[in-house]
Amino acid sequence: ISPPSGNYAELQLPSLTLTSNPGSTIYYTVNGSNPTSSSPSAASPVTISSIPANATNFTIKAFARKAGLTDSNIVTATYNTVPTPTWNVDADGLWSDSSPW
């Protein structure tokens, strides 16, 4: 799963990519539950582009299946996102908030 688990500003995490061996099918969940053969699936690589802003513990789990091979172990990645920060300045380009950091 790429990028790795972590904390990201919203625009740093526009999508996630799940990759396995060519010819494999990836089964995945985006709610933290373990994926099964009835979970959403697609041929590798899989791109997930709907990462919520202000997410806390957004967890993806996935495994790969390829004919003639044993299913992969379930892999997990957890993300926390915050909105892209904005700076509040007045018309003169000065901080509009005079409070200390």
PDB file of N, CA and C in Angstrom:
ATOM      1  N   ILE A   1       0.872  -1.169   0.000  1.00  0.00           N
ATOM      2  CA  ILE A   1       0.000   0.000   0.000  1.00  0.00           C
ATOM      3  C   ILE A   1       0.909   1.219   0.000  1.00  0.00           C
ATOM      4  N   SER A   2       0.661   2.125  -0.897  1.00  0.00           N
ATOM      5  CA  SER A   2       1.498   3.302  -1.033  1.00  0.00           C
ATOM      6  C   SER A   2       0.622   4.539  -1.126  1.00  0.00           C
ATOM      7  N   PRO A   3       0.935   5.604  -0.412  1.00  0.00           N
ATOM      8  CA  PRO A   3       2.039   5.776   0.518  1.00  0.00           C
ATOM      9  C   PRO A   3       1.798   5.007   1.823  1.00  0.00           C
ATOM     10  N   PRO A   4       2.841   4.920   2.661  1.00  0.00           N
ATOM     11  CA  PRO A   4       2.701   4.165   3.910  1.00  0.00           C
ATOM     12  C   PRO A   4       1.751   4.843   4.900  1.00  0.00           C
ATOM     13  N   SER A   5       1.336   4.090   5.892  1.00  0.00           N
ATOM     14  CA  SER A   5       0.509   4.647   6.968  1.00  0.00           C
ATOM     15  C   SER A   5       1.131   5.926   7.497  1.00  0.00           C
ATOM     16  N   GLY A   6       0.276   6.842   7.979  1.00  0.00           N
ATOM     17  CA  GLY A   6       0.823   8.049   8.578  1.00  0.00           C
ATOM     18  C   GLY A   6      -0.183   9.171   8.657  1.00  0.00           C
ATOM     19  N   ASN A   7       0.350  10.348   8.967  1.00  0.00           N
ATOM     20  CA  ASN A   7      -0.443  11.569   9.081  1.00  0.00           C
ATOM     21  C   ASN A   7      -0.119  12.459   7.883  1.00  0.00           C
ATOM     22  N   TYR A   8      -1.147  12.965   7.223  1.00  0.00           N
ATOM     23  CA  TYR A   8      -0.960  13.730   5.996  1.00  0.00           C
ATOM     24  C   TYR A   8      -1.886  14.937   5.977  1.00  0.00           C
ATOM     25  N   ALA A   9      -1.400  16.026   5.355  1.00  0.00           N
ATOM     26  CA  ALA A   9      -2.295  17.128   5.005  1.00  0.00           C
ATOM     27  C   ALA A   9      -3.105  16.641   3.811  1.00  0.00           C
ATOM     28  N   GLU A  10      -4.311  17.123   3.690  1.00  0.00           N
ATOM     29  CA  GLU A  10      -5.260  16.636   2.689  1.00  0.00           C
ATOM     30  C   GLU A  10      -4.646  16.526   1.286  1.00  0.00           C
ATOM     31  N   LEU A  11      -3.965  17.541   0.805  1.00  0.00           N
ATOM     32  CA  LEU A  11      -3.437  17.520  -0.555  1.00  0.00           C
ATOM     33  C   LEU A  11      -2.197  16.643  -0.703  1.00  0.00           C
ATOM     34  N   GLN A  12      -1.602  16.214   0.394  1.00  0.00           N
ATOM     35  CA  GLN A  12      -0.471  15.299   0.317  1.00  0.00           C
ATOM     36  C   GLN A  12      -0.927  13.877   0.018  1.00  0.00           C
ATOM     37  N   LEU A  13      -2.191  13.600   0.161  1.00  0.00           N
ATOM     38  CA  LEU A  13      -2.708  12.238   0.037  1.00  0.00           C
ATOM     39  C   LEU A  13      -3.884  12.202  -0.940  1.00  0.00           C
ATOM     40  N   PRO A  14      -3.634  12.517  -2.230  1.00  0.00           N
ATOM     41  CA  PRO A  14      -4.753  12.532  -3.175  1.00  0.00           C
ATOM     42  C   PRO A  14      -5.278  11.148  -3.518  1.00  0.00           C
ATOM     43  N   SER A  15      -4.415  10.114  -3.401  1.00  0.00           N
ATOM     44  CA  SER A  15      -4.864   8.753  -3.687  1.00  0.00           C
ATOM     45  C   SER A  15      -3.912   7.746  -3.054  1.00  0.00           C
ATOM     46  N   LEU A  16      -4.369   6.521  -3.003  1.00  0.00           N
ATOM     47  CA  LEU A  16      -3.575   5.403  -2.493  1.00  0.00           C
ATOM     48  C   LEU A  16      -3.483   4.362  -3.595  1.00  0.00           C
ATOM     49  N   THR A  17      -2.386   3.632  -3.630  1.00  0.00           N
ATOM     50  CA  THR A  17      -2.225   2.586  -4.628  1.00  0.00           C
ATOM     51  C   THR A  17      -1.934   1.258  -3.936  1.00  0.00           C
ATOM     52  N   LEU A  18      -2.697   0.254  -4.311  1.00  0.00           N
ATOM     53  CA  LEU A  18      -2.496  -1.111  -3.815  1.00  0.00           C
ATOM     54  C   LEU A  18      -1.882  -1.910  -4.956  1.00  0.00           C
ATOM     55  N   THR A  19      -0.726  -2.496  -4.715  1.00  0.00           N
ATOM     56  CA  THR A  19      -0.007  -3.182  -5.780  1.00  0.00           C
ATOM     57  C   THR A  19       0.382  -4.594  -5.356  1.00  0.00           C
ATOM     58  N   SER A  20       0.275  -5.519  -6.307  1.00  0.00           N
ATOM     59  CA  SER A  20       0.722  -6.889  -6.085  1.00  0.00           C
ATOM     60  C   SER A  20       1.342  -7.399  -7.381  1.00  0.00           C
ATOM     61  N   ASN A  21       1.610  -8.694  -7.441  1.00  0.00           N
ATOM     62  CA  ASN A  21       2.199  -9.284  -8.642  1.00  0.00           C
ATOM     63  C   ASN A  21       1.278  -9.139  -9.845  1.00  0.00           C
ATOM     64  N   PRO A  22       1.841  -8.995 -11.039  1.00  0.00           N
ATOM     65  CA  PRO A  22       0.999  -8.931 -12.243  1.00  0.00           C
ATOM     66  C   PRO A  22       0.089 -10.161 -12.331  1.00  0.00           C
ATOM     67  N   GLY A  23      -1.137  -9.918 -12.762  1.00  0.00           N
ATOM     68  CA  GLY A  23      -2.096 -11.010 -12.896  1.00  0.00           C
ATOM     69  C   GLY A  23      -2.859 -11.346 -11.641  1.00  0.00           C
ATOM     70  N   SER A  24      -2.568 -10.646 -10.541  1.00  0.00           N
ATOM     71  CA  SER A  24      -3.280 -10.925  -9.292  1.00  0.00           C
ATOM     72  C   SER A  24      -4.475  -9.994  -9.146  1.00  0.00           C
ATOM     73  N   THR A  25      -5.396 -10.413  -8.320  1.00  0.00           N
ATOM     74  CA  THR A  25      -6.567  -9.608  -7.976  1.00  0.00           C
ATOM     75  C   THR A  25      -6.411  -9.172  -6.532  1.00  0.00           C
ATOM     76  N   ILE A  26      -6.677  -7.906  -6.283  1.00  0.00           N
ATOM     77  CA  ILE A  26      -6.587  -7.369  -4.928  1.00  0.00           C
ATOM     78  C   ILE A  26      -7.994  -7.183  -4.375  1.00  0.00           C
ATOM     79  N   TYR A  27      -8.226  -7.746  -3.212  1.00  0.00           N
ATOM     80  CA  TYR A  27      -9.486  -7.586  -2.481  1.00  0.00           C
ATOM     81  C   TYR A  27      -9.203  -6.639  -1.328  1.00  0.00           C
ATOM     82  N   TYR A  28     -10.078  -5.656  -1.117  1.00  0.00           N
ATOM     83  CA  TYR A  28      -9.765  -4.637  -0.119  1.00  0.00           C
ATOM     84  C   TYR A  28     -11.019  -4.102   0.567  1.00  0.00           C
ATOM     85  N   THR A  29     -10.788  -3.464   1.712  1.00  0.00           N
ATOM     86  CA  THR A  29     -11.844  -2.736   2.417  1.00  0.00           C
ATOM     87  C   THR A  29     -11.293  -1.379   2.821  1.00  0.00           C
ATOM     88  N   VAL A  30     -12.172  -0.431   3.004  1.00  0.00           N
ATOM     89  CA  VAL A  30     -11.769   0.911   3.456  1.00  0.00           C
ATOM     90  C   VAL A  30     -12.439   1.282   4.779  1.00  0.00           C
ATOM     91  N   ASN A  31     -12.996   0.289   5.459  1.00  0.00           N
ATOM     92  CA  ASN A  31     -13.665   0.551   6.737  1.00  0.00           C
ATOM     93  C   ASN A  31     -12.981  -0.142   7.910  1.00  0.00           C
ATOM     94  N   GLY A  32     -11.786  -0.688   7.665  1.00  0.00           N
ATOM     95  CA  GLY A  32     -11.043  -1.328   8.738  1.00  0.00           C
ATOM     96  C   GLY A  32     -11.360  -2.793   8.950  1.00  0.00           C
ATOM     97  N   SER A  33     -12.381  -3.319   8.271  1.00  0.00           N
ATOM     98  CA  SER A  33     -12.696  -4.741   8.426  1.00  0.00           C
ATOM     99  C   SER A  33     -11.773  -5.573   7.536  1.00  0.00           C
ATOM    100  N   ASN A  34     -11.629  -6.852   7.868  1.00  0.00           N
ATOM    101  CA  ASN A  34     -10.795  -7.733   7.063  1.00  0.00           C
ATOM    102  C   ASN A  34     -11.485  -8.025   5.731  1.00  0.00           C
ATOM    103  N   PRO A  35     -10.757  -7.914   4.618  1.00  0.00           N
ATOM    104  CA  PRO A  35     -11.360  -8.202   3.319  1.00  0.00           C
ATOM    105  C   PRO A  35     -11.581  -9.709   3.133  1.00  0.00           C
ATOM    106  N   THR A  36     -12.581 -10.019   2.327  1.00  0.00           N
ATOM    107  CA  THR A  36     -12.893 -11.400   1.966  1.00  0.00           C
ATOM    108  C   THR A  36     -13.016 -11.465   0.446  1.00  0.00           C
ATOM    109  N   SER A  37     -13.300 -12.639  -0.065  1.00  0.00           N
ATOM    110  CA  SER A  37     -13.460 -12.780  -1.509  1.00  0.00           C
ATOM    111  C   SER A  37     -14.708 -12.069  -2.028  1.00  0.00           C
ATOM    112  N   SER A  38     -15.581 -11.598  -1.142  1.00  0.00           N
ATOM    113  CA  SER A  38     -16.752 -10.833  -1.577  1.00  0.00           C
ATOM    114  C   SER A  38     -16.542  -9.320  -1.400  1.00  0.00           C
ATOM    115  N   SER A  39     -15.367  -8.912  -0.962  1.00  0.00           N
ATOM    116  CA  SER A  39     -15.042  -7.478  -0.822  1.00  0.00           C
ATOM    117  C   SER A  39     -14.801  -6.876  -2.201  1.00  0.00           C
ATOM    118  N   PRO A  40     -14.803  -5.534  -2.297  1.00  0.00           N
ATOM    119  CA  PRO A  40     -14.444  -4.916  -3.578  1.00  0.00           C
ATOM    120  C   PRO A  40     -13.092  -5.444  -4.050  1.00  0.00           C
ATOM    121  N   SER A  41     -12.952  -5.602  -5.365  1.00  0.00           N
ATOM    122  CA  SER A  41     -11.707  -6.147  -5.894  1.00  0.00           C
ATOM    123  C   SER A  41     -11.439  -5.583  -7.280  1.00  0.00           C
ATOM    124  N   ALA A  42     -10.179  -5.663  -7.675  1.00  0.00           N
ATOM    125  CA  ALA A  42      -9.767  -5.248  -9.014  1.00  0.00           C
ATOM    126  C   ALA A  42      -8.399  -5.830  -9.285  1.00  0.00           C
ATOM    127  N   ALA A  43      -8.041  -5.842 -10.563  1.00  0.00           N
ATOM    128  CA  ALA A  43      -6.712  -6.304 -10.941  1.00  0.00           C
ATOM    129  C   ALA A  43      -5.678  -5.308 -10.433  1.00  0.00           C
ATOM    130  N   SER A  44      -4.534  -5.833 -10.031  1.00  0.00           N
ATOM    131  CA  SER A  44      -3.444  -4.985  -9.543  1.00  0.00           C
ATOM    132  C   SER A  44      -2.874  -4.169 -10.702  1.00  0.00           C
ATOM    133  N   PRO A  45      -2.576  -2.894 -10.511  1.00  0.00           N
ATOM    134  CA  PRO A  45      -2.689  -2.108  -9.276  1.00  0.00           C
ATOM    135  C   PRO A  45      -4.083  -1.500  -9.127  1.00  0.00           C
ATOM    136  N   VAL A  46      -4.477  -1.235  -7.877  1.00  0.00           N
ATOM    137  CA  VAL A  46      -5.758  -0.616  -7.554  1.00  0.00           C
ATOM    138  C   VAL A  46      -5.476   0.781  -7.014  1.00  0.00           C
ATOM    139  N   THR A  47      -6.200   1.765  -7.531  1.00  0.00           N
ATOM    140  CA  THR A  47      -6.064   3.139  -7.025  1.00  0.00           C
ATOM    141  C   THR A  47      -7.332   3.512  -6.281  1.00  0.00           C
ATOM    142  N   ILE A  48      -7.162   3.993  -5.069  1.00  0.00           N
ATOM    143  CA  ILE A  48      -8.289   4.483  -4.253  1.00  0.00           C
ATOM    144  C   ILE A  48      -8.119   5.982  -4.153  1.00  0.00           C
ATOM    145  N   SER A  49      -9.079   6.723  -4.706  1.00  0.00           N
ATOM    146  CA  SER A  49      -8.899   8.171  -4.787  1.00  0.00           C
ATOM    147  C   SER A  49      -9.840   8.968  -3.891  1.00  0.00           C
ATOM    148  N   SER A  50     -10.637   8.305  -3.103  1.00  0.00           N
ATOM    149  CA  SER A  50     -11.583   9.045  -2.250  1.00  0.00           C
ATOM    150  C   SER A  50     -11.136   8.986  -0.793  1.00  0.00           C
ATOM    151  N   ILE A  51     -10.047   9.684  -0.494  1.00  0.00           N
ATOM    152  CA  ILE A  51      -9.532   9.730   0.870  1.00  0.00           C
ATOM    153  C   ILE A  51     -10.204  10.906   1.568  1.00  0.00           C
ATOM    154  N   PRO A  52     -10.922  10.663   2.653  1.00  0.00           N
ATOM    155  CA  PRO A  52     -11.643  11.763   3.299  1.00  0.00           C
ATOM    156  C   PRO A  52     -10.719  12.758   3.997  1.00  0.00           C
ATOM    157  N   ALA A  53     -11.099  14.035   3.937  1.00  0.00           N
ATOM    158  CA  ALA A  53     -10.402  15.062   4.714  1.00  0.00           C
ATOM    159  C   ALA A  53     -10.824  14.905   6.169  1.00  0.00           C
ATOM    160  N   ASN A  54      -9.970  15.317   7.065  1.00  0.00           N
ATOM    161  CA  ASN A  54     -10.246  15.217   8.503  1.00  0.00           C
ATOM    162  C   ASN A  54     -10.517  13.786   8.939  1.00  0.00           C
ATOM    163  N   ALA A  55      -9.852  12.842   8.289  1.00  0.00           N
ATOM    164  CA  ALA A  55     -10.037  11.432   8.642  1.00  0.00           C
ATOM    165  C   ALA A  55      -9.181  11.089   9.856  1.00  0.00           C
ATOM    166  N   THR A  56      -9.751  10.321  10.737  1.00  0.00           N
ATOM    167  CA  THR A  56      -9.015   9.791  11.869  1.00  0.00           C
ATOM    168  C   THR A  56      -9.067   8.273  11.767  1.00  0.00           C
ATOM    169  N   ASN A  57      -7.904   7.668  11.682  1.00  0.00           N
ATOM    170  CA  ASN A  57      -7.802   6.213  11.578  1.00  0.00           C
ATOM    171  C   ASN A  57      -8.549   5.643  10.377  1.00  0.00           C
ATOM    172  N   PHE A  58      -8.397   6.286   9.216  1.00  0.00           N
ATOM    173  CA  PHE A  58      -8.930   5.758   7.957  1.00  0.00           C
ATOM    174  C   PHE A  58      -8.080   4.541   7.610  1.00  0.00           C
ATOM    175  N   THR A  59      -8.677   3.365   7.679  1.00  0.00           N
ATOM    176  CA  THR A  59      -7.908   2.126   7.580  1.00  0.00           C
ATOM    177  C   THR A  59      -8.286   1.334   6.337  1.00  0.00           C
ATOM    178  N   ILE A  60      -7.265   0.987   5.570  1.00  0.00           N
ATOM    179  CA  ILE A  60      -7.422   0.135   4.397  1.00  0.00           C
ATOM    180  C   ILE A  60      -6.765  -1.201   4.702  1.00  0.00           C
ATOM    181  N   LYS A  61      -7.469  -2.262   4.357  1.00  0.00           N
ATOM    182  CA  LYS A  61      -6.902  -3.608   4.481  1.00  0.00           C
ATOM    183  C   LYS A  61      -7.061  -4.290   3.131  1.00  0.00           C
ATOM    184  N   ALA A  62      -6.065  -5.094   2.767  1.00  0.00           N
ATOM    185  CA  ALA A  62      -6.115  -5.738   1.453  1.00  0.00           C
ATOM    186  C   ALA A  62      -5.339  -7.046   1.458  1.00  0.00           C
ATOM    187  N   PHE A  63      -5.723  -7.931   0.537  1.00  0.00           N
ATOM    188  CA  PHE A  63      -4.922  -9.118   0.261  1.00  0.00           C
ATOM    189  C   PHE A  63      -4.991  -9.382  -1.234  1.00  0.00           C
ATOM    190  N   ALA A  64      -4.008 -10.122  -1.731  1.00  0.00           N
ATOM    191  CA  ALA A  64      -3.948 -10.440  -3.160  1.00  0.00           C
ATOM    192  C   ALA A  64      -4.185 -11.926  -3.372  1.00  0.00           C
ATOM    193  N   ARG A  65      -4.807 -12.236  -4.518  1.00  0.00           N
ATOM    194  CA  ARG A  65      -5.079 -13.619  -4.898  1.00  0.00           C
ATOM    195  C   ARG A  65      -4.656 -13.802  -6.357  1.00  0.00           C
ATOM    196  N   LYS A  66      -3.949 -14.897  -6.606  1.00  0.00           N
ATOM    197  CA  LYS A  66      -3.558 -15.238  -7.970  1.00  0.00           C
ATOM    198  C   LYS A  66      -3.703 -16.744  -8.136  1.00  0.00           C
ATOM    199  N   ALA A  67      -4.289 -17.135  -9.249  1.00  0.00           N
ATOM    200  CA  ALA A  67      -4.516 -18.556  -9.507  1.00  0.00           C
ATOM    201  C   ALA A  67      -3.220 -19.344  -9.354  1.00  0.00           C
ATOM    202  N   GLY A  68      -3.321 -20.477  -8.656  1.00  0.00           N
ATOM    203  CA  GLY A  68      -2.181 -21.349  -8.468  1.00  0.00           C
ATOM    204  C   GLY A  68      -1.281 -20.979  -7.308  1.00  0.00           C
ATOM    205  N   LEU A  69      -1.558 -19.854  -6.639  1.00  0.00           N
ATOM    206  CA  LEU A  69      -0.751 -19.406  -5.506  1.00  0.00           C
ATOM    207  C   LEU A  69      -1.616 -19.273  -4.257  1.00  0.00           C
ATOM    208  N   THR A  70      -0.978 -19.306  -3.121  1.00  0.00           N
ATOM    209  CA  THR A  70      -1.672 -19.075  -1.852  1.00  0.00           C
ATOM    210  C   THR A  70      -1.984 -17.584  -1.740  1.00  0.00           C
ATOM    211  N   ASP A  71      -3.168 -17.254  -1.182  1.00  0.00           N
ATOM    212  CA  ASP A  71      -3.510 -15.844  -0.960  1.00  0.00           C
ATOM    213  C   ASP A  71      -2.441 -15.176  -0.108  1.00  0.00           C
ATOM    214  N   SER A  72      -2.203 -13.905  -0.357  1.00  0.00           N
ATOM    215  CA  SER A  72      -1.241 -13.164   0.460  1.00  0.00           C
ATOM    216  C   SER A  72      -1.812 -12.934   1.851  1.00  0.00           C
ATOM    217  N   ASN A  73      -0.959 -12.543   2.762  1.00  0.00           N
ATOM    218  CA  ASN A  73      -1.425 -12.087   4.069  1.00  0.00           C
ATOM    219  C   ASN A  73      -2.189 -10.784   3.893  1.00  0.00           C
ATOM    220  N   ILE A  74      -3.055 -10.476   4.831  1.00  0.00           N
ATOM    221  CA  ILE A  74      -3.752  -9.187   4.808  1.00  0.00           C
ATOM    222  C   ILE A  74      -2.773  -8.110   5.254  1.00  0.00           C
ATOM    223  N   VAL A  75      -2.699  -7.044   4.475  1.00  0.00           N
ATOM    224  CA  VAL A  75      -1.871  -5.894   4.847  1.00  0.00           C
ATOM    225  C   VAL A  75      -2.796  -4.754   5.253  1.00  0.00           C
ATOM    226  N   THR A  76      -2.305  -3.904   6.136  1.00  0.00           N
ATOM    227  CA  THR A  76      -3.111  -2.821   6.691  1.00  0.00           C
ATOM    228  C   THR A  76      -2.343  -1.507   6.623  1.00  0.00           C
ATOM    229  N   ALA A  77      -3.045  -0.441   6.299  1.00  0.00           N
ATOM    230  CA  ALA A  77      -2.475   0.905   6.369  1.00  0.00           C
ATOM    231  C   ALA A  77      -3.536   1.822   6.965  1.00  0.00           C
ATOM    232  N   THR A  78      -3.090   2.691   7.881  1.00  0.00           N
ATOM    233  CA  THR A  78      -4.008   3.605   8.562  1.00  0.00           C
ATOM    234  C   THR A  78      -3.533   5.035   8.351  1.00  0.00           C
ATOM    235  N   TYR A  79      -4.483   5.911   8.046  1.00  0.00           N
ATOM    236  CA  TYR A  79      -4.162   7.299   7.717  1.00  0.00           C
ATOM    237  C   TYR A  79      -4.978   8.269   8.556  1.00  0.00           C
ATOM    238  N   ASN A  80      -4.349   9.377   8.886  1.00  0.00           N
ATOM    239  CA  ASN A  80      -5.020  10.518   9.504  1.00  0.00           C
ATOM    240  C   ASN A  80      -4.770  11.702   8.580  1.00  0.00           C
ATOM    241  N   THR A  81      -5.834  12.421   8.236  1.00  0.00           N
ATOM    242  CA  THR A  81      -5.676  13.576   7.356  1.00  0.00           C
ATOM    243  C   THR A  81      -6.251  14.821   8.010  1.00  0.00           C
ATOM    244  N   VAL A  82      -5.655  15.946   7.689  1.00  0.00           N
ATOM    245  CA  VAL A  82      -6.155  17.240   8.130  1.00  0.00           C
ATOM    246  C   VAL A  82      -6.311  18.103   6.889  1.00  0.00           C
ATOM    247  N   PRO A  83      -7.213  19.075   6.908  1.00  0.00           N
ATOM    248  CA  PRO A  83      -7.360  19.933   5.740  1.00  0.00           C
ATOM    249  C   PRO A  83      -6.049  20.666   5.460  1.00  0.00           C
ATOM    250  N   THR A  84      -5.865  21.037   4.215  1.00  0.00           N
ATOM    251  CA  THR A  84      -4.683  21.809   3.854  1.00  0.00           C
ATOM    252  C   THR A  84      -4.712  23.121   4.621  1.00  0.00           C
ATOM    253  N   PRO A  85      -3.626  23.449   5.331  1.00  0.00           N
ATOM    254  CA  PRO A  85      -3.636  24.685   6.121  1.00  0.00           C
ATOM    255  C   PRO A  85      -3.695  25.926   5.239  1.00  0.00           C
ATOM    256  N   THR A  86      -4.341  26.931   5.750  1.00  0.00           N
ATOM    257  CA  THR A  86      -4.382  28.228   5.068  1.00  0.00           C
ATOM    258  C   THR A  86      -3.897  29.285   6.041  1.00  0.00           C
ATOM    259  N   TRP A  87      -3.292  30.312   5.499  1.00  0.00           N
ATOM    260  CA  TRP A  87      -2.787  31.405   6.318  1.00  0.00           C
ATOM    261  C   TRP A  87      -3.744  32.585   6.189  1.00  0.00           C
ATOM    262  N   ASN A  88      -4.156  33.127   7.307  1.00  0.00           N
ATOM    263  CA  ASN A  88      -5.062  34.269   7.314  1.00  0.00           C
ATOM    264  C   ASN A  88      -4.255  35.552   7.433  1.00  0.00           C
ATOM    265  N   VAL A  89      -4.256  36.323   6.373  1.00  0.00           N
ATOM    266  CA  VAL A  89      -3.541  37.601   6.386  1.00  0.00           C
ATOM    267  C   VAL A  89      -4.509  38.703   6.006  1.00  0.00           C
ATOM    268  N   ASP A  90      -4.199  39.927   6.467  1.00  0.00           N
ATOM    269  CA  ASP A  90      -5.047  41.061   6.122  1.00  0.00           C
ATOM    270  C   ASP A  90      -4.608  41.653   4.782  1.00  0.00           C
ATOM    271  N   ALA A  91      -5.230  42.760   4.374  1.00  0.00           N
ATOM    272  CA  ALA A  91      -4.945  43.385   3.080  1.00  0.00           C
ATOM    273  C   ALA A  91      -3.490  43.834   2.946  1.00  0.00           C
ATOM    274  N   ASP A  92      -2.806  44.056   4.078  1.00  0.00           N
ATOM    275  CA  ASP A  92      -1.402  44.469   4.043  1.00  0.00           C
ATOM    276  C   ASP A  92      -0.444  43.273   4.070  1.00  0.00           C
ATOM    277  N   GLY A  93      -0.996  42.064   4.064  1.00  0.00           N
ATOM    278  CA  GLY A  93      -0.154  40.883   4.084  1.00  0.00           C
ATOM    279  C   GLY A  93       0.318  40.500   5.475  1.00  0.00           C
ATOM    280  N   LEU A  94      -0.314  41.080   6.502  1.00  0.00           N
ATOM    281  CA  LEU A  94       0.069  40.787   7.886  1.00  0.00           C
ATOM    282  C   LEU A  94      -0.878  39.737   8.459  1.00  0.00           C
ATOM    283  N   TRP A  95      -0.384  39.036   9.473  1.00  0.00           N
ATOM    284  CA  TRP A  95      -1.235  38.055  10.123  1.00  0.00           C
ATOM    285  C   TRP A  95      -2.484  38.749  10.655  1.00  0.00           C
ATOM    286  N   SER A  96      -3.638  38.167  10.366  1.00  0.00           N
ATOM    287  CA  SER A  96      -4.878  38.768  10.865  1.00  0.00           C
ATOM    288  C   SER A  96      -5.206  38.295  12.260  1.00  0.00           C
ATOM    289  N   ASP A  97      -4.476  37.324  12.736  1.00  0.00           N
ATOM    290  CA  ASP A  97      -4.670  36.822  14.093  1.00  0.00           C
ATOM    291  C   ASP A  97      -3.474  37.243  14.925  1.00  0.00           C
ATOM    292  N   SER A  98      -3.697  38.121  15.895  1.00  0.00           N
ATOM    293  CA  SER A  98      -2.583  38.648  16.689  1.00  0.00           C
ATOM    294  C   SER A  98      -2.241  37.766  17.883  1.00  0.00           C
ATOM    295  N   SER A  99      -2.979  36.695  18.078  1.00  0.00           N
ATOM    296  CA  SER A  99      -2.695  35.847  19.236  1.00  0.00           C
ATOM    297  C   SER A  99      -1.382  35.102  19.023  1.00  0.00           C
ATOM    298  N   PRO A 100      -0.673  34.815  20.108  1.00  0.00           N
ATOM    299  CA  PRO A 100       0.586  34.078  19.970  1.00  0.00           C
ATOM    300  C   PRO A 100       0.322  32.646  19.516  1.00  0.00           C
ATOM    301  N   TRP A 101       1.325  32.052  18.932  1.00  0.00           N
ATOM    302  CA  TRP A 101       1.201  30.667  18.491  1.00  0.00           C
ATOM    303  C   TRP A 101       1.174  29.831  19.682  1.00  0.00           C
TER     304      TRP A 101
END
